[in-house]
Amino acid sequence: MSKDYIKVNFSPGDTIDKAVNLLLKHKEKGQLACGKFNGVTLYSDTVTMDGAHKEIIGKTKVEFDDYIESVRS
């Protein structure tokens, strides 16, 4: 059985967090949605914040936030 996903377009300047949260809103509504972020397709039924970060930039959300904090210091 094939799943039909609503295509979501992310805007330039969107963050990974914003993209994941948008997909999770679709999930809360019981909608299957997907969108491509930096060449990686994310799916509302399987996306997690850590999973998306890891797949897109190679770091978990916490690791990325810690890195950003260290750069700003």
PDB file of N, CA and C in Angstrom:
ATOM      1  N   MET A   1       0.831  -1.184   0.000  1.00  0.00           N
ATOM      2  CA  MET A   1       0.000   0.000   0.000  1.00  0.00           C
ATOM      3  C   MET A   1       0.877   1.250   0.000  1.00  0.00           C
ATOM      4  N   SER A   2       0.632   2.131  -0.910  1.00  0.00           N
ATOM      5  CA  SER A   2       1.411   3.355  -1.057  1.00  0.00           C
ATOM      6  C   SER A   2       0.837   4.457  -0.160  1.00  0.00           C
ATOM      7  N   LYS A   3       1.720   5.239   0.424  1.00  0.00           N
ATOM      8  CA  LYS A   3       1.286   6.365   1.243  1.00  0.00           C
ATOM      9  C   LYS A   3       1.308   7.626   0.386  1.00  0.00           C
ATOM     10  N   ASP A   4       0.257   8.420   0.483  1.00  0.00           N
ATOM     11  CA  ASP A   4       0.200   9.695  -0.222  1.00  0.00           C
ATOM     12  C   ASP A   4       0.524  10.818   0.744  1.00  0.00           C
ATOM     13  N   TYR A   5       1.575  11.526   0.460  1.00  0.00           N
ATOM     14  CA  TYR A   5       2.044  12.604   1.325  1.00  0.00           C
ATOM     15  C   TYR A   5       1.701  13.958   0.723  1.00  0.00           C
ATOM     16  N   ILE A   6       1.294  14.887   1.588  1.00  0.00           N
ATOM     17  CA  ILE A   6       1.143  16.280   1.201  1.00  0.00           C
ATOM     18  C   ILE A   6       2.549  16.851   1.086  1.00  0.00           C
ATOM     19  N   LYS A   7       2.837  17.529  -0.011  1.00  0.00           N
ATOM     20  CA  LYS A   7       4.165  18.133  -0.185  1.00  0.00           C
ATOM     21  C   LYS A   7       4.212  19.479   0.525  1.00  0.00           C
ATOM     22  N   VAL A   8       5.200  19.634   1.372  1.00  0.00           N
ATOM     23  CA  VAL A   8       5.413  20.878   2.112  1.00  0.00           C
ATOM     24  C   VAL A   8       6.650  21.547   1.531  1.00  0.00           C
ATOM     25  N   ASN A   9       6.537  22.843   1.259  1.00  0.00           N
ATOM     26  CA  ASN A   9       7.686  23.604   0.773  1.00  0.00           C
ATOM     27  C   ASN A   9       8.214  24.463   1.905  1.00  0.00           C
ATOM     28  N   PHE A  10       9.473  24.288   2.216  1.00  0.00           N
ATOM     29  CA  PHE A  10      10.114  25.108   3.228  1.00  0.00           C
ATOM     30  C   PHE A  10      10.673  26.349   2.551  1.00  0.00           C
ATOM     31  N   SER A  11      10.706  27.438   3.285  1.00  0.00           N
ATOM     32  CA  SER A  11      11.172  28.709   2.740  1.00  0.00           C
ATOM     33  C   SER A  11      12.659  28.891   2.999  1.00  0.00           C
ATOM     34  N   PRO A  12      13.318  29.642   2.122  1.00  0.00           N
ATOM     35  CA  PRO A  12      14.719  29.969   2.399  1.00  0.00           C
ATOM     36  C   PRO A  12      14.799  30.674   3.758  1.00  0.00           C
ATOM     37  N   GLY A  13      15.754  30.301   4.542  1.00  0.00           N
ATOM     38  CA  GLY A  13      15.901  30.884   5.867  1.00  0.00           C
ATOM     39  C   GLY A  13      15.220  30.082   6.967  1.00  0.00           C
ATOM     40  N   ASP A  14      14.391  29.105   6.582  1.00  0.00           N
ATOM     41  CA  ASP A  14      13.781  28.237   7.595  1.00  0.00           C
ATOM     42  C   ASP A  14      14.864  27.433   8.294  1.00  0.00           C
ATOM     43  N   THR A  15      14.669  27.198   9.560  1.00  0.00           N
ATOM     44  CA  THR A  15      15.605  26.378  10.326  1.00  0.00           C
ATOM     45  C   THR A  15      15.122  24.929  10.319  1.00  0.00           C
ATOM     46  N   ILE A  16      15.995  24.039  10.726  1.00  0.00           N
ATOM     47  CA  ILE A  16      15.603  22.633  10.864  1.00  0.00           C
ATOM     48  C   ILE A  16      14.465  22.538  11.876  1.00  0.00           C
ATOM     49  N   ASP A  17      14.571  23.276  12.969  1.00  0.00           N
ATOM     50  CA  ASP A  17      13.526  23.256  14.002  1.00  0.00           C
ATOM     51  C   ASP A  17      12.174  23.637  13.413  1.00  0.00           C
ATOM     52  N   LYS A  18      12.150  24.702  12.630  1.00  0.00           N
ATOM     53  CA  LYS A  18      10.893  25.162  12.040  1.00  0.00           C
ATOM     54  C   LYS A  18      10.324  24.117  11.083  1.00  0.00           C
ATOM     55  N   ALA A  19      11.186  23.511  10.286  1.00  0.00           N
ATOM     56  CA  ALA A  19      10.737  22.482   9.343  1.00  0.00           C
ATOM     57  C   ALA A  19      10.151  21.281  10.077  1.00  0.00           C
ATOM     58  N   VAL A  20      10.846  20.826  11.119  1.00  0.00           N
ATOM     59  CA  VAL A  20      10.368  19.678  11.894  1.00  0.00           C
ATOM     60  C   VAL A  20       9.048  20.019  12.569  1.00  0.00           C
ATOM     61  N   ASN A  21       8.954  21.189  13.179  1.00  0.00           N
ATOM     62  CA  ASN A  21       7.720  21.580  13.866  1.00  0.00           C
ATOM     63  C   ASN A  21       6.544  21.667  12.905  1.00  0.00           C
ATOM     64  N   LEU A  22       6.777  22.137  11.687  1.00  0.00           N
ATOM     65  CA  LEU A  22       5.713  22.179  10.683  1.00  0.00           C
ATOM     66  C   LEU A  22       5.233  20.771  10.343  1.00  0.00           C
ATOM     67  N   LEU A  23       6.163  19.863  10.158  1.00  0.00           N
ATOM     68  CA  LEU A  23       5.789  18.480   9.857  1.00  0.00           C
ATOM     69  C   LEU A  23       5.070  17.828  11.041  1.00  0.00           C
ATOM     70  N   LEU A  24       5.506  18.141  12.260  1.00  0.00           N
ATOM     71  CA  LEU A  24       4.853  17.571  13.435  1.00  0.00           C
ATOM     72  C   LEU A  24       3.422  18.098  13.599  1.00  0.00           C
ATOM     73  N   LYS A  25       3.158  19.330  13.158  1.00  0.00           N
ATOM     74  CA  LYS A  25       1.787  19.852  13.175  1.00  0.00           C
ATOM     75  C   LYS A  25       0.893  19.043  12.241  1.00  0.00           C
ATOM     76  N   HIS A  26       1.433  18.676  11.095  1.00  0.00           N
ATOM     77  CA  HIS A  26       0.684  17.823  10.169  1.00  0.00           C
ATOM     78  C   HIS A  26       0.409  16.467  10.827  1.00  0.00           C
ATOM     79  N   LYS A  27       1.409  15.947  11.503  1.00  0.00           N
ATOM     80  CA  LYS A  27       1.253  14.648  12.172  1.00  0.00           C
ATOM     81  C   LYS A  27       0.153  14.711  13.227  1.00  0.00           C
ATOM     82  N   GLU A  28       0.120  15.798  14.010  1.00  0.00           N
ATOM     83  CA  GLU A  28      -0.910  15.975  15.038  1.00  0.00           C
ATOM     84  C   GLU A  28      -2.317  15.959  14.433  1.00  0.00           C
ATOM     85  N   LYS A  29      -2.424  16.454  13.200  1.00  0.00           N
ATOM     86  CA  LYS A  29      -3.710  16.491  12.503  1.00  0.00           C
ATOM     87  C   LYS A  29      -4.018  15.172  11.799  1.00  0.00           C
ATOM     88  N   GLY A  30      -3.093  14.215  11.902  1.00  0.00           N
ATOM     89  CA  GLY A  30      -3.286  12.932  11.244  1.00  0.00           C
ATOM     90  C   GLY A  30      -2.983  12.963   9.758  1.00  0.00           C
ATOM     91  N   GLN A  31      -2.232  13.972   9.325  1.00  0.00           N
ATOM     92  CA  GLN A  31      -1.893  14.127   7.903  1.00  0.00           C
ATOM     93  C   GLN A  31      -0.471  13.634   7.636  1.00  0.00           C
ATOM     94  N   LEU A  32      -0.326  12.938   6.539  1.00  0.00           N
ATOM     95  CA  LEU A  32       1.011  12.561   6.073  1.00  0.00           C
ATOM     96  C   LEU A  32       1.541  13.713   5.233  1.00  0.00           C
ATOM     97  N   ALA A  33       2.710  14.209   5.594  1.00  0.00           N
ATOM     98  CA  ALA A  33       3.322  15.312   4.862  1.00  0.00           C
ATOM     99  C   ALA A  33       4.813  15.056   4.759  1.00  0.00           C
ATOM    100  N   CYS A  34       5.411  15.607   3.719  1.00  0.00           N
ATOM    101  CA  CYS A  34       6.861  15.498   3.555  1.00  0.00           C
ATOM    102  C   CYS A  34       7.380  16.761   2.898  1.00  0.00           C
ATOM    103  N   GLY A  35       8.642  17.010   3.121  1.00  0.00           N
ATOM    104  CA  GLY A  35       9.290  18.152   2.511  1.00  0.00           C
ATOM    105  C   GLY A  35      10.785  17.928   2.455  1.00  0.00           C
ATOM    106  N   LYS A  36      11.407  18.583   1.500  1.00  0.00           N
ATOM    107  CA  LYS A  36      12.850  18.454   1.317  1.00  0.00           C
ATOM    108  C   LYS A  36      13.541  19.640   1.981  1.00  0.00           C
ATOM    109  N   PHE A  37      14.492  19.332   2.871  1.00  0.00           N
ATOM    110  CA  PHE A  37      15.262  20.363   3.562  1.00  0.00           C
ATOM    111  C   PHE A  37      16.734  20.092   3.312  1.00  0.00           C
ATOM    112  N   ASN A  38      17.414  21.010   2.644  1.00  0.00           N
ATOM    113  CA  ASN A  38      18.837  20.843   2.299  1.00  0.00           C
ATOM    114  C   ASN A  38      19.108  19.495   1.642  1.00  0.00           C
ATOM    115  N   GLY A  39      18.205  19.088   0.760  1.00  0.00           N
ATOM    116  CA  GLY A  39      18.402  17.851   0.015  1.00  0.00           C
ATOM    117  C   GLY A  39      17.954  16.595   0.735  1.00  0.00           C
ATOM    118  N   VAL A  40      17.476  16.719   1.972  1.00  0.00           N
ATOM    119  CA  VAL A  40      17.025  15.566   2.752  1.00  0.00           C
ATOM    120  C   VAL A  40      15.504  15.618   2.850  1.00  0.00           C
ATOM    121  N   THR A  41      14.835  14.542   2.472  1.00  0.00           N
ATOM    122  CA  THR A  41      13.382  14.495   2.578  1.00  0.00           C
ATOM    123  C   THR A  41      12.988  14.042   3.978  1.00  0.00           C
ATOM    124  N   LEU A  42      12.166  14.861   4.621  1.00  0.00           N
ATOM    125  CA  LEU A  42      11.671  14.584   5.960  1.00  0.00           C
ATOM    126  C   LEU A  42      10.192  14.232   5.868  1.00  0.00           C
ATOM    127  N   TYR A  43       9.756  13.267   6.671  1.00  0.00           N
ATOM    128  CA  TYR A  43       8.381  12.774   6.636  1.00  0.00           C
ATOM    129  C   TYR A  43       7.715  12.991   7.989  1.00  0.00           C
ATOM    130  N   SER A  44       6.484  13.478   7.972  1.00  0.00           N
ATOM    131  CA  SER A  44       5.772  13.788   9.208  1.00  0.00           C
ATOM    132  C   SER A  44       5.561  12.565  10.098  1.00  0.00           C
ATOM    133  N   ASP A  45       5.452  11.394   9.509  1.00  0.00           N
ATOM    134  CA  ASP A  45       5.167  10.207  10.319  1.00  0.00           C
ATOM    135  C   ASP A  45       6.412   9.591  10.955  1.00  0.00           C
ATOM    136  N   THR A  46       7.598  10.062  10.577  1.00  0.00           N
ATOM    137  CA  THR A  46       8.821   9.486  11.134  1.00  0.00           C
ATOM    138  C   THR A  46       9.807  10.526  11.672  1.00  0.00           C
ATOM    139  N   VAL A  47       9.560  11.796  11.426  1.00  0.00           N
ATOM    140  CA  VAL A  47      10.536  12.833  11.783  1.00  0.00           C
ATOM    141  C   VAL A  47      10.640  13.012  13.296  1.00  0.00           C
ATOM    142  N   THR A  48      11.876  13.228  13.744  1.00  0.00           N
ATOM    143  CA  THR A  48      12.147  13.662  15.112  1.00  0.00           C
ATOM    144  C   THR A  48      13.133  14.819  15.025  1.00  0.00           C
ATOM    145  N   MET A  49      13.166  15.628  16.043  1.00  0.00           N
ATOM    146  CA  MET A  49      14.083  16.773  16.045  1.00  0.00           C
ATOM    147  C   MET A  49      15.527  16.291  15.959  1.00  0.00           C
ATOM    148  N   ASP A  50      15.899  15.335  16.817  1.00  0.00           N
ATOM    149  CA  ASP A  50      17.269  14.817  16.790  1.00  0.00           C
ATOM    150  C   ASP A  50      17.577  14.105  15.480  1.00  0.00           C
ATOM    151  N   GLY A  51      16.637  13.308  14.996  1.00  0.00           N
ATOM    152  CA  GLY A  51      16.857  12.564  13.758  1.00  0.00           C
ATOM    153  C   GLY A  51      17.077  13.482  12.572  1.00  0.00           C
ATOM    154  N   ALA A  52      16.284  14.541  12.488  1.00  0.00           N
ATOM    155  CA  ALA A  52      16.435  15.493  11.382  1.00  0.00           C
ATOM    156  C   ALA A  52      17.779  16.210  11.465  1.00  0.00           C
ATOM    157  N   HIS A  53      18.134  16.680  12.654  1.00  0.00           N
ATOM    158  CA  HIS A  53      19.425  17.350  12.815  1.00  0.00           C
ATOM    159  C   HIS A  53      20.574  16.411  12.429  1.00  0.00           C
ATOM    160  N   LYS A  54      20.518  15.189  12.938  1.00  0.00           N
ATOM    161  CA  LYS A  54      21.587  14.218  12.683  1.00  0.00           C
ATOM    162  C   LYS A  54      21.724  13.946  11.187  1.00  0.00           C
ATOM    163  N   GLU A  55      20.591  13.774  10.512  1.00  0.00           N
ATOM    164  CA  GLU A  55      20.628  13.447   9.085  1.00  0.00           C
ATOM    165  C   GLU A  55      21.087  14.625   8.228  1.00  0.00           C
ATOM    166  N   ILE A  56      20.707  15.840   8.618  1.00  0.00           N
ATOM    167  CA  ILE A  56      21.013  17.019   7.802  1.00  0.00           C
ATOM    168  C   ILE A  56      22.411  17.569   8.086  1.00  0.00           C
ATOM    169  N   ILE A  57      22.791  17.666   9.367  1.00  0.00           N
ATOM    170  CA  ILE A  57      24.084  18.294   9.695  1.00  0.00           C
ATOM    171  C   ILE A  57      25.048  17.380  10.438  1.00  0.00           C
ATOM    172  N   GLY A  58      24.597  16.173  10.760  1.00  0.00           N
ATOM    173  CA  GLY A  58      25.499  15.220  11.400  1.00  0.00           C
ATOM    174  C   GLY A  58      25.642  15.388  12.905  1.00  0.00           C
ATOM    175  N   LYS A  59      24.811  16.241  13.506  1.00  0.00           N
ATOM    176  CA  LYS A  59      24.831  16.451  14.951  1.00  0.00           C
ATOM    177  C   LYS A  59      23.398  16.383  15.470  1.00  0.00           C
ATOM    178  N   THR A  60      23.229  15.925  16.712  1.00  0.00           N
ATOM    179  CA  THR A  60      21.899  15.975  17.322  1.00  0.00           C
ATOM    180  C   THR A  60      21.566  17.436  17.613  1.00  0.00           C
ATOM    181  N   LYS A  61      20.336  17.693  17.978  1.00  0.00           N
ATOM    182  CA  LYS A  61      19.904  19.055  18.313  1.00  0.00           C
ATOM    183  C   LYS A  61      20.746  19.618  19.451  1.00  0.00           C
ATOM    184  N   VAL A  62      20.951  18.845  20.502  1.00  0.00           N
ATOM    185  CA  VAL A  62      21.742  19.304  21.648  1.00  0.00           C
ATOM    186  C   VAL A  62      23.189  19.575  21.232  1.00  0.00           C
ATOM    187  N   GLU A  63      23.774  18.671  20.465  1.00  0.00           N
ATOM    188  CA  GLU A  63      25.153  18.874  19.990  1.00  0.00           C
ATOM    189  C   GLU A  63      25.251  20.140  19.149  1.00  0.00           C
ATOM    190  N   PHE A  64      24.276  20.374  18.282  1.00  0.00           N
ATOM    191  CA  PHE A  64      24.270  21.567  17.436  1.00  0.00           C
ATOM    192  C   PHE A  64      24.121  22.828  18.282  1.00  0.00           C
ATOM    193  N   ASP A  65      23.167  22.811  19.220  1.00  0.00           N
ATOM    194  CA  ASP A  65      22.969  23.975  20.091  1.00  0.00           C
ATOM    195  C   ASP A  65      24.222  24.274  20.915  1.00  0.00           C
ATOM    196  N   ASP A  66      24.866  23.223  21.422  1.00  0.00           N
ATOM    197  CA  ASP A  66      26.117  23.410  22.176  1.00  0.00           C
ATOM    198  C   ASP A  66      27.200  24.011  21.294  1.00  0.00           C
ATOM    199  N   TYR A  67      27.288  23.538  20.055  1.00  0.00           N
ATOM    200  CA  TYR A  67      28.275  24.077  19.115  1.00  0.00           C
ATOM    201  C   TYR A  67      28.016  25.562  18.845  1.00  0.00           C
ATOM    202  N   ILE A  68      26.763  25.915  18.583  1.00  0.00           N
ATOM    203  CA  ILE A  68      26.420  27.306  18.304  1.00  0.00           C
ATOM    204  C   ILE A  68      26.755  28.175  19.521  1.00  0.00           C
ATOM    205  N   GLU A  69      26.454  27.682  20.697  1.00  0.00           N
ATOM    206  CA  GLU A  69      26.751  28.434  21.919  1.00  0.00           C
ATOM    207  C   GLU A  69      28.262  28.648  22.078  1.00  0.00           C
ATOM    208  N   SER A  70      29.054  27.621  21.760  1.00  0.00           N
ATOM    209  CA  SER A  70      30.507  27.754  21.889  1.00  0.00           C
ATOM    210  C   SER A  70      31.082  28.736  20.872  1.00  0.00           C
ATOM    211  N   VAL A  71      30.476  28.812  19.710  1.00  0.00           N
ATOM    212  CA  VAL A  71      30.944  29.749  18.684  1.00  0.00           C
ATOM    213  C   VAL A  71      30.618  31.188  19.076  1.00  0.00           C
ATOM    214  N   ARG A  72      29.483  31.369  19.712  1.00  0.00           N
ATOM    215  CA  ARG A  72      29.056  32.710  20.132  1.00  0.00           C
ATOM    216  C   ARG A  72      29.821  33.212  21.334  1.00  0.00           C
ATOM    217  N   SER A  73      30.418  32.325  22.100  1.00  0.00           N
ATOM    218  CA  SER A  73      31.135  32.731  23.325  1.00  0.00           C
ATOM    219  C   SER A  73      32.471  33.337  23.030  1.00  0.00           C
TER     220      SER A  73
END
